[in-house]
Structure formats: structure tokens, C-alpha cells
Amino acid sequence: MTNRSVSVEHERELAAPRGVVFDLLLDAKVVRAWLAYEGAELRSLWLDARPGGGFHACIVVPYLGDVWAIGTYREVERPSRIVFDVGIREASGDGPAADESASPNDVRVTMTLTEAGAGTRVTIERDASVSAPPGLPTWARMLDAVEGALG
């Protein structure tokens, strides 16, 4: 994915070291917390947080039905960077299906973690040439879940 315009979606400083924040961004319990947003139910989650791995989640949204968030991790560089492609597809099952290859409508998301005093600044950027997938909870909600997990 080259020659793409980038949009900063969200930035936040969290009161924890980068390694702790990085681990929480990839922790299945935290991912479940932000994907199962108010009014929705997370029916299933498969998560393999490594380059070439991915995630596959079924989110039941009352006004939409089953929404499948399918993603592939492109870079996982602890403690500074996570890059993944994400899209919404119709699918079934708890793991990745063979026909779920990358789509031109997938969005590339880059999360950069930098030191900010005693804490961590998380910057989330996305490919602005593709619309954000409908039905996916916001990045602010994701960082709320990470912040909540910090105690």
C-alpha cells in the first residue's frame, strides 16, 4: 500500500510505559472490551498478534446484525509500532477463512507509541484514501479500554 494519504485519527497520552501500553493494545481481553461497545455484543474473537497474523471478530449490532471485522497484522514492533489492515466482511466462523484475502477497501491503520514523560503517547493514523469501515467502534473507545485496563 503505497502512495496513500494518511489521516491522524486519534492521539492520547497514557500514564504507563510503552511496553505496558503496547501489550494492552494486543491483549484479547482489552480488544474484547472495546469491540463489544455499548449496544453491541462481541460473539467471537480470534486474535493472532504477529506479522502475518490477524484478527477475526463477530460484532452483533442490533440495527445491522452480524458485522465481521477482519484484519491482518503487517508490522508488530514491540514497544513502538503496530500496523494492520482492517475491513468489514460477511463471514462466519471463529478463525480466518481461506477466501478472506485483502480487499482494496481495507484500511491500513498505524499505531505509533512514543515516550511522553513517564507515560506513552499513542498516535493512530489511517489510510485516508479509503473510508473508515462502517460498524467498527472508534479509536477513542479502544484507547478508553486500554486506559481502563491500566487501573
C-alpha atoms as a PDB file:
ATOM      1  CA  MET A   1       0.000   0.000   0.000  1.00  0.00           C
ATOM      2  CA  THR A   2       1.986   2.952  -1.259  1.00  0.00           C
ATOM      3  CA  ASN A   3       1.099   6.485  -2.305  1.00  0.00           C
ATOM      4  CA  ARG A   4      -1.682   6.712   0.265  1.00  0.00           C
ATOM      5  CA  SER A   5      -2.726   9.803   2.140  1.00  0.00           C
ATOM      6  CA  VAL A   6      -2.709   9.486   5.906  1.00  0.00           C
ATOM      7  CA  SER A   7      -5.102  10.927   8.440  1.00  0.00           C
ATOM      8  CA  VAL A   8      -4.342  11.190  12.166  1.00  0.00           C
ATOM      9  CA  GLU A   9      -7.415   9.614  13.719  1.00  0.00           C
ATOM     10  CA  HIS A  10      -6.585   9.971  17.376  1.00  0.00           C
ATOM     11  CA  GLU A  11      -3.783  10.802  19.818  1.00  0.00           C
ATOM     12  CA  ARG A  12      -3.682  10.280  23.535  1.00  0.00           C
ATOM     13  CA  GLU A  13      -1.151  10.213  26.335  1.00  0.00           C
ATOM     14  CA  LEU A  14      -1.478   7.302  28.745  1.00  0.00           C
ATOM     15  CA  ALA A  15       0.144   7.096  32.175  1.00  0.00           C
ATOM     16  CA  ALA A  16       2.092   3.889  31.598  1.00  0.00           C
ATOM     17  CA  PRO A  17       5.347   2.780  29.954  1.00  0.00           C
ATOM     18  CA  ARG A  18       5.295   1.949  26.227  1.00  0.00           C
ATOM     19  CA  GLY A  19       5.739  -1.793  26.776  1.00  0.00           C
ATOM     20  CA  VAL A  20       2.676  -1.955  29.026  1.00  0.00           C
ATOM     21  CA  VAL A  21       0.510   0.065  26.600  1.00  0.00           C
ATOM     22  CA  PHE A  22       1.761  -1.972  23.624  1.00  0.00           C
ATOM     23  CA  ASP A  23       0.859  -5.255  25.331  1.00  0.00           C
ATOM     24  CA  LEU A  24      -2.624  -3.975  26.217  1.00  0.00           C
ATOM     25  CA  LEU A  25      -3.290  -2.901  22.614  1.00  0.00           C
ATOM     26  CA  LEU A  26      -2.839  -6.559  21.610  1.00  0.00           C
ATOM     27  CA  ASP A  27      -4.435  -8.176  24.687  1.00  0.00           C
ATOM     28  CA  ALA A  28      -7.548 -10.180  23.748  1.00  0.00           C
ATOM     29  CA  LYS A  29      -9.384  -9.116  26.932  1.00  0.00           C
ATOM     30  CA  VAL A  30      -8.871  -5.422  26.109  1.00  0.00           C
ATOM     31  CA  VAL A  31      -9.748  -5.960  22.432  1.00  0.00           C
ATOM     32  CA  ARG A  32     -12.984  -7.655  23.563  1.00  0.00           C
ATOM     33  CA  ALA A  33     -13.778  -4.663  25.801  1.00  0.00           C
ATOM     34  CA  TRP A  34     -13.579  -2.078  23.024  1.00  0.00           C
ATOM     35  CA  LEU A  35     -15.139  -4.164  20.254  1.00  0.00           C
ATOM     36  CA  ALA A  36     -18.160  -5.011  22.437  1.00  0.00           C
ATOM     37  CA  TYR A  37     -19.242  -1.399  22.596  1.00  0.00           C
ATOM     38  CA  GLU A  38     -22.493  -0.254  24.219  1.00  0.00           C
ATOM     39  CA  GLY A  39     -25.497  -1.775  22.489  1.00  0.00           C
ATOM     40  CA  ALA A  40     -23.424  -4.396  20.672  1.00  0.00           C
ATOM     41  CA  GLU A  41     -22.316  -7.902  21.582  1.00  0.00           C
ATOM     42  CA  LEU A  42     -18.994  -9.490  20.706  1.00  0.00           C
ATOM     43  CA  ARG A  43     -19.933 -13.016  19.673  1.00  0.00           C
ATOM     44  CA  SER A  44     -16.453 -14.279  18.851  1.00  0.00           C
ATOM     45  CA  LEU A  45     -12.849 -13.157  18.629  1.00  0.00           C
ATOM     46  CA  TRP A  46      -9.827 -14.856  17.093  1.00  0.00           C
ATOM     47  CA  LEU A  47      -6.557 -12.951  17.566  1.00  0.00           C
ATOM     48  CA  ASP A  48      -3.008 -13.763  16.405  1.00  0.00           C
ATOM     49  CA  ALA A  49      -0.915 -10.637  17.051  1.00  0.00           C
ATOM     50  CA  ARG A  50       2.200 -11.183  14.931  1.00  0.00           C
ATOM     51  CA  PRO A  51       3.251 -10.068  11.443  1.00  0.00           C
ATOM     52  CA  GLY A  52       1.151 -12.095   9.016  1.00  0.00           C
ATOM     53  CA  GLY A  53      -1.283 -12.998  11.804  1.00  0.00           C
ATOM     54  CA  GLY A  54      -4.569 -11.248  12.258  1.00  0.00           C
ATOM     55  CA  PHE A  55      -7.911 -10.941  13.927  1.00  0.00           C
ATOM     56  CA  HIS A  56     -11.438 -12.007  13.102  1.00  0.00           C
ATOM     57  CA  ALA A  57     -14.313 -10.746  15.254  1.00  0.00           C
ATOM     58  CA  CYS A  58     -18.074 -11.056  15.023  1.00  0.00           C
ATOM     59  CA  ILE A  59     -19.804  -7.995  16.462  1.00  0.00           C
ATOM     60  CA  VAL A  60     -23.598  -8.251  16.721  1.00  0.00           C
ATOM     61  CA  VAL A  61     -25.023  -4.771  16.178  1.00  0.00           C
ATOM     62  CA  PRO A  62     -28.789  -4.510  16.832  1.00  0.00           C
ATOM     63  CA  TYR A  63     -29.536  -2.348  13.784  1.00  0.00           C
ATOM     64  CA  LEU A  64     -27.053  -4.112  11.440  1.00  0.00           C
ATOM     65  CA  GLY A  65     -26.933  -7.754  12.548  1.00  0.00           C
ATOM     66  CA  ASP A  66     -23.594  -9.588  12.399  1.00  0.00           C
ATOM     67  CA  VAL A  67     -20.659  -7.357  11.480  1.00  0.00           C
ATOM     68  CA  TRP A  68     -17.319  -9.091  10.899  1.00  0.00           C
ATOM     69  CA  ALA A  69     -14.129  -7.127  11.490  1.00  0.00           C
ATOM     70  CA  ILE A  70     -11.321  -8.917   9.660  1.00  0.00           C
ATOM     71  CA  GLY A  71      -7.734  -7.750   9.934  1.00  0.00           C
ATOM     72  CA  THR A  72      -4.160  -8.690   9.137  1.00  0.00           C
ATOM     73  CA  TYR A  73      -1.160  -7.523  11.155  1.00  0.00           C
ATOM     74  CA  ARG A  74       1.541  -6.158   8.833  1.00  0.00           C
ATOM     75  CA  GLU A  75       4.045  -4.974  11.478  1.00  0.00           C
ATOM     76  CA  VAL A  76       4.259  -5.706  15.196  1.00  0.00           C
ATOM     77  CA  GLU A  77       7.373  -3.983  16.577  1.00  0.00           C
ATOM     78  CA  ARG A  78       7.327  -4.023  20.373  1.00  0.00           C
ATOM     79  CA  PRO A  79       7.122  -1.481  22.006  1.00  0.00           C
ATOM     80  CA  SER A  80       6.811   1.195  19.317  1.00  0.00           C
ATOM     81  CA  ARG A  81       4.619   0.269  16.336  1.00  0.00           C
ATOM     82  CA  ILE A  82       1.634  -1.814  15.233  1.00  0.00           C
ATOM     83  CA  VAL A  83       0.412  -1.744  11.621  1.00  0.00           C
ATOM     84  CA  PHE A  84      -2.639  -3.639  10.420  1.00  0.00           C
ATOM     85  CA  ASP A  85      -5.193  -3.691   7.639  1.00  0.00           C
ATOM     86  CA  VAL A  86      -8.857  -3.928   8.648  1.00  0.00           C
ATOM     87  CA  GLY A  87     -12.102  -4.304   6.782  1.00  0.00           C
ATOM     88  CA  ILE A  88     -15.685  -5.350   7.349  1.00  0.00           C
ATOM     89  CA  ARG A  89     -16.850  -8.510   5.590  1.00  0.00           C
ATOM     90  CA  GLU A  90     -19.614 -11.026   5.649  1.00  0.00           C
ATOM     91  CA  ALA A  91     -18.095 -14.198   7.055  1.00  0.00           C
ATOM     92  CA  SER A  92     -18.672 -16.943   9.562  1.00  0.00           C
ATOM     93  CA  GLY A  93     -16.612 -18.988  11.982  1.00  0.00           C
ATOM     94  CA  ASP A  94     -14.127 -18.152  14.709  1.00  0.00           C
ATOM     95  CA  GLY A  95     -10.943 -18.258  12.636  1.00  0.00           C
ATOM     96  CA  PRO A  96      -9.825 -16.796   9.344  1.00  0.00           C
ATOM     97  CA  ALA A  97     -11.434 -18.309   6.258  1.00  0.00           C
ATOM     98  CA  ALA A  98      -9.408 -19.129   3.163  1.00  0.00           C
ATOM     99  CA  ASP A  99     -11.355 -16.680   0.975  1.00  0.00           C
ATOM    100  CA  GLU A 100     -10.743 -13.652   3.201  1.00  0.00           C
ATOM    101  CA  SER A 101      -7.809 -12.164   1.337  1.00  0.00           C
ATOM    102  CA  ALA A 102      -7.053  -8.461   1.476  1.00  0.00           C
ATOM    103  CA  SER A 103      -9.619  -6.234  -0.131  1.00  0.00           C
ATOM    104  CA  PRO A 104      -8.984  -2.883  -1.842  1.00  0.00           C
ATOM    105  CA  ASN A 105     -11.498  -1.459   0.653  1.00  0.00           C
ATOM    106  CA  ASP A 106      -9.365  -2.450   3.661  1.00  0.00           C
ATOM    107  CA  VAL A 107      -7.980   0.405   5.720  1.00  0.00           C
ATOM    108  CA  ARG A 108      -4.333   0.455   6.800  1.00  0.00           C
ATOM    109  CA  VAL A 109      -4.006   1.568  10.428  1.00  0.00           C
ATOM    110  CA  THR A 110      -0.692   2.523  12.053  1.00  0.00           C
ATOM    111  CA  MET A 111      -0.370   2.859  15.823  1.00  0.00           C
ATOM    112  CA  THR A 112       2.832   4.559  16.949  1.00  0.00           C
ATOM    113  CA  LEU A 113       3.847   4.578  20.617  1.00  0.00           C
ATOM    114  CA  THR A 114       6.366   7.189  21.758  1.00  0.00           C
ATOM    115  CA  GLU A 115       7.662   8.103  25.183  1.00  0.00           C
ATOM    116  CA  ALA A 116       5.910  11.097  26.727  1.00  0.00           C
ATOM    117  CA  GLY A 117       7.463  11.914  30.080  1.00  0.00           C
ATOM    118  CA  ALA A 118       6.750   8.937  32.338  1.00  0.00           C
ATOM    119  CA  GLY A 119       3.952   7.787  30.028  1.00  0.00           C
ATOM    120  CA  THR A 120       3.218   6.923  26.426  1.00  0.00           C
ATOM    121  CA  ARG A 121       1.726   8.907  23.551  1.00  0.00           C
ATOM    122  CA  VAL A 122      -0.320   6.729  21.217  1.00  0.00           C
ATOM    123  CA  THR A 123      -0.868   8.132  17.725  1.00  0.00           C
ATOM    124  CA  ILE A 124      -3.329   6.304  15.482  1.00  0.00           C
ATOM    125  CA  GLU A 125      -3.201   7.041  11.756  1.00  0.00           C
ATOM    126  CA  ARG A 126      -5.238   5.515   8.984  1.00  0.00           C
ATOM    127  CA  ASP A 127      -5.173   5.419   5.232  1.00  0.00           C
ATOM    128  CA  ALA A 128      -7.359   8.392   4.283  1.00  0.00           C
ATOM    129  CA  SER A 129      -7.828   7.211   0.684  1.00  0.00           C
ATOM    130  CA  VAL A 130     -10.320   4.578   1.902  1.00  0.00           C
ATOM    131  CA  SER A 131     -13.384   5.322   4.030  1.00  0.00           C
ATOM    132  CA  ALA A 132     -13.297   4.011   7.594  1.00  0.00           C
ATOM    133  CA  PRO A 133     -15.193   0.704   7.818  1.00  0.00           C
ATOM    134  CA  PRO A 134     -18.781   1.219   8.998  1.00  0.00           C
ATOM    135  CA  GLY A 135     -19.718  -0.628  12.168  1.00  0.00           C
ATOM    136  CA  LEU A 136     -16.209  -0.540  13.662  1.00  0.00           C
ATOM    137  CA  PRO A 137     -16.000   1.164  17.091  1.00  0.00           C
ATOM    138  CA  THR A 138     -13.932   4.324  17.332  1.00  0.00           C
ATOM    139  CA  TRP A 139     -10.240   4.523  18.131  1.00  0.00           C
ATOM    140  CA  ALA A 140     -11.078   6.710  21.131  1.00  0.00           C
ATOM    141  CA  ARG A 141     -13.117   3.809  22.528  1.00  0.00           C
ATOM    142  CA  MET A 142     -10.130   1.493  22.016  1.00  0.00           C
ATOM    143  CA  LEU A 143      -7.856   3.827  23.978  1.00  0.00           C
ATOM    144  CA  ASP A 144     -10.546   4.174  26.675  1.00  0.00           C
ATOM    145  CA  ALA A 145     -10.393   0.377  27.106  1.00  0.00           C
ATOM    146  CA  VAL A 146      -6.580   0.437  27.321  1.00  0.00           C
ATOM    147  CA  GLU A 147      -6.728   3.269  29.853  1.00  0.00           C
ATOM    148  CA  GLY A 148      -9.342   1.344  31.881  1.00  0.00           C
ATOM    149  CA  ALA A 149      -7.110  -1.735  31.908  1.00  0.00           C
ATOM    150  CA  LEU A 150      -4.300   0.343  33.427  1.00  0.00           C
ATOM    151  CA  GLY A 151      -6.366   0.559  36.592  1.00  0.00           C
END
